[in-house]
């Protein structure tokens, strides 16, 4: 038998909600939700739908038998996209469904990433090898970022990475929300 109460409590805690906050979102009483979590009562289907919606999930995901979400990925999980002078490694499968998307970008000398259009969100980069130029539209001067250095920018202006060096450059680039 499926432990509905335990699953509600688990999702409530994952979402950082108190019983009182969940009660407010669902227009149910704190006492009723407490009884649900302790399996002292059972919800109607409509009530359970309201609760799952307030917890940011669906009924099908709520009852899914999927194991815990995968958190470790290997190089075999990466999707590799080789383009003219650059290679993009999507190192977390299906990351576009997440809030952030990490990639590893390799740029040959003279190559550049695609221009990232302005977006809501932020980006972080860590240069693993070589050096890159961070070009942002409207800026007077480009930023040079060397091996071991990082950049952190808002996505509110168009930008790209350029390898103006003589050796390949490799960058761990993380965007929120996903833009690659």
Protein backbone atom coordinates (compact mmCIF):
# COMPACT_ATOMS: atom_id res chain seq x y z
CA UNK A 1 0.00 0.00 0.00
CA UNK A 2 1.25 3.47 -0.92
CA UNK A 3 2.13 5.73 2.02
CA UNK A 4 0.34 8.93 0.96
CA UNK A 5 0.97 10.69 4.26
CA UNK A 6 4.71 10.09 4.16
CA UNK A 7 4.90 11.30 0.54
CA UNK A 8 2.97 14.52 1.35
CA UNK A 9 5.27 15.23 4.30
CA UNK A 10 8.37 14.47 2.21
CA UNK A 11 7.31 16.88 -0.56
CA UNK A 12 6.24 19.56 1.93
CA UNK A 13 9.67 19.48 3.59
CA UNK A 14 11.47 19.43 0.21
CA UNK A 15 9.55 22.58 -0.70
CA UNK A 16 10.48 24.21 2.61
CA UNK A 17 6.85 24.60 3.69
CA UNK A 18 5.37 24.41 7.16
CA UNK A 19 2.03 22.72 7.73
CA UNK A 20 0.54 26.17 8.17
CA UNK A 21 1.92 27.39 4.81
CA UNK A 22 0.63 24.29 3.00
CA UNK A 23 -2.74 24.72 4.70
CA UNK A 24 -2.92 28.30 3.45
CA UNK A 25 -2.06 27.27 -0.11
CA UNK A 26 -4.62 24.47 -0.18
CA UNK A 27 -7.35 26.12 1.91
CA UNK A 28 -7.27 23.08 4.20
CA UNK A 29 -6.73 23.11 7.93
CA UNK A 30 -3.36 22.53 9.53
CA UNK A 31 -4.95 19.81 11.68
CA UNK A 32 -6.34 17.96 8.65
CA UNK A 33 -2.96 18.04 6.90
CA UNK A 34 -1.26 16.80 10.06
CA UNK A 35 -3.69 13.88 10.18
CA UNK A 36 -3.02 13.15 6.50
CA UNK A 37 0.73 13.09 7.05
CA UNK A 38 0.30 10.66 9.94
CA UNK A 39 -2.09 8.52 7.87
CA UNK A 40 -4.91 9.03 10.35
CA UNK A 41 -7.27 10.07 7.56
CA UNK A 42 -7.43 9.82 3.78
CA UNK A 43 -7.95 12.64 1.31
CA UNK A 44 -10.48 12.73 -1.50
CA UNK A 45 -9.03 12.67 -5.00
CA UNK A 46 -9.85 16.37 -5.45
CA UNK A 47 -8.17 17.25 -2.15
CA UNK A 48 -5.09 15.24 -3.09
CA UNK A 49 -4.96 17.02 -6.47
CA UNK A 50 -5.07 20.37 -4.66
CA UNK A 51 -2.26 19.27 -2.33
CA UNK A 52 -0.03 17.94 -5.13
CA UNK A 53 -0.54 21.17 -7.11
CA UNK A 54 0.43 23.24 -4.06
CA UNK A 55 3.52 21.05 -3.68
CA UNK A 56 4.57 21.68 -7.29
CA UNK A 57 3.93 18.22 -8.66
CA UNK A 58 1.28 16.22 -10.48
CA UNK A 59 -0.74 13.23 -9.41
CA UNK A 60 1.22 10.95 -11.76
CA UNK A 61 4.57 12.13 -10.36
CA UNK A 62 3.23 11.92 -6.82
CA UNK A 63 2.43 8.22 -7.29
CA UNK A 64 5.42 7.46 -9.52
CA UNK A 65 7.47 4.44 -8.52
CA UNK A 66 10.64 6.09 -9.83
CA UNK A 67 13.64 5.69 -7.64
CA UNK A 68 15.34 8.76 -6.22
CA UNK A 69 16.35 11.23 -8.86
CA UNK A 70 19.72 10.50 -10.33
CA UNK A 71 22.47 12.76 -8.97
CA UNK A 72 25.71 11.29 -10.34
CA UNK A 73 26.58 11.25 -14.03
CA UNK A 74 29.54 9.81 -15.90
CA UNK A 75 31.25 10.79 -19.13
CA UNK A 76 29.14 8.15 -20.90
CA UNK A 77 26.03 10.17 -19.98
CA UNK A 78 27.27 13.30 -21.75
CA UNK A 79 25.90 14.36 -25.10
CA UNK A 80 28.64 15.75 -27.35
CA UNK A 81 27.99 18.29 -30.11
CA UNK A 82 31.01 18.97 -32.31
CA UNK A 83 30.75 22.09 -34.43
CA UNK A 84 33.20 24.18 -36.42
CA UNK A 85 36.00 24.97 -33.96
CA UNK A 86 33.98 24.19 -30.86
CA UNK A 87 32.69 21.20 -28.94
CA UNK A 88 29.87 21.36 -26.42
CA UNK A 89 29.49 18.63 -23.81
CA UNK A 90 26.07 18.52 -22.16
CA UNK A 91 27.28 16.86 -18.99
CA UNK A 92 23.90 16.42 -17.26
CA UNK A 93 21.32 14.60 -19.41
CA UNK A 94 18.05 16.48 -19.93
CA UNK A 95 19.33 19.46 -17.90
CA UNK A 96 17.02 21.78 -19.82
CA UNK A 97 14.23 20.60 -17.51
CA UNK A 98 16.21 21.83 -14.50
CA UNK A 99 16.75 25.37 -13.24
CA UNK A 100 20.36 25.41 -14.38
CA UNK A 101 22.27 23.83 -17.22
CA UNK A 102 25.97 23.00 -16.99
CA UNK A 103 28.01 22.40 -20.12
CA UNK A 104 31.68 22.10 -20.90
CA UNK A 105 32.67 24.19 -23.89
CA UNK A 106 35.91 23.56 -25.78
CA UNK A 107 37.01 26.31 -28.14
CA UNK A 108 39.80 25.90 -30.66
CA UNK A 109 42.04 28.94 -31.26
CA UNK A 110 40.00 31.60 -33.08
CA UNK A 111 36.65 29.93 -32.34
CA UNK A 112 33.75 31.44 -30.43
CA UNK A 113 30.57 30.27 -28.80
CA UNK A 114 27.20 31.20 -30.20
CA UNK A 115 25.92 34.60 -29.14
CA UNK A 116 23.66 34.08 -26.12
CA UNK A 117 20.68 36.38 -26.46
CA UNK A 118 19.59 38.45 -23.46
CA UNK A 119 17.61 36.38 -20.99
CA UNK A 120 16.33 36.42 -17.43
CA UNK A 121 18.88 34.65 -15.31
CA UNK A 122 22.57 34.37 -14.60
CA UNK A 123 25.63 32.53 -15.83
CA UNK A 124 28.79 31.24 -14.22
CA UNK A 125 31.93 30.08 -15.95
CA UNK A 126 35.16 28.47 -14.79
CA UNK A 127 38.08 28.25 -17.21
CA UNK A 128 39.51 24.76 -16.97
CA UNK A 129 42.31 25.33 -19.50
CA UNK A 130 43.54 28.05 -21.82
CA UNK A 131 41.94 31.47 -21.70
CA UNK A 132 38.85 33.05 -23.17
CA UNK A 133 37.52 36.48 -23.87
CA UNK A 134 34.08 37.24 -22.45
CA UNK A 135 32.39 39.61 -24.88
CA UNK A 136 29.23 41.40 -23.72
CA UNK A 137 27.26 43.64 -26.06
CA UNK A 138 27.37 47.30 -25.10
CA UNK A 139 30.49 46.93 -22.93
CA UNK A 140 33.49 49.14 -23.70
CA UNK A 141 36.01 46.39 -22.99
CA UNK A 142 35.95 42.61 -23.19
CA UNK A 143 37.04 40.60 -20.14
CA UNK A 144 39.90 38.13 -20.36
CA UNK A 145 39.39 35.05 -18.20
CA UNK A 146 42.36 32.70 -17.70
CA UNK A 147 42.75 29.13 -16.49
CA UNK A 148 41.58 28.87 -12.87
CA UNK A 149 39.55 32.09 -13.07
CA UNK A 150 35.79 32.48 -13.11
CA UNK A 151 33.14 34.80 -14.46
CA UNK A 152 29.65 35.47 -13.12
CA UNK A 153 27.24 37.58 -15.17
CA UNK A 154 23.59 38.44 -15.48
CA UNK A 155 21.99 37.35 -18.71
CA UNK A 156 20.47 40.75 -19.44
CA UNK A 157 22.84 41.51 -22.36
CA UNK A 158 23.91 39.43 -25.33
CA UNK A 159 27.27 37.75 -24.81
CA UNK A 160 29.64 35.09 -26.10
CA UNK A 161 33.00 33.50 -25.36
CA UNK A 162 35.91 33.83 -27.80
CA UNK A 163 39.24 32.01 -27.82
CA UNK A 164 41.77 34.56 -29.09
CA UNK A 165 44.68 32.47 -27.80
CA UNK A 166 46.98 30.01 -29.56
CA UNK A 167 45.86 26.93 -27.60
CA UNK A 168 42.46 25.32 -27.09
CA UNK A 169 40.36 26.60 -24.18
CA UNK A 170 37.97 24.59 -22.04
CA UNK A 171 35.25 26.21 -19.89
CA UNK A 172 32.69 24.84 -17.46
CA UNK A 173 29.71 27.10 -18.22
CA UNK A 174 26.54 27.05 -16.13
CA UNK A 175 23.40 28.94 -17.07
CA UNK A 176 20.18 29.52 -15.21
CA UNK A 177 17.72 29.09 -16.76
CA UNK A 178 19.05 26.75 -19.45
CA UNK A 179 19.99 28.66 -22.63
CA UNK A 180 22.36 26.37 -24.56
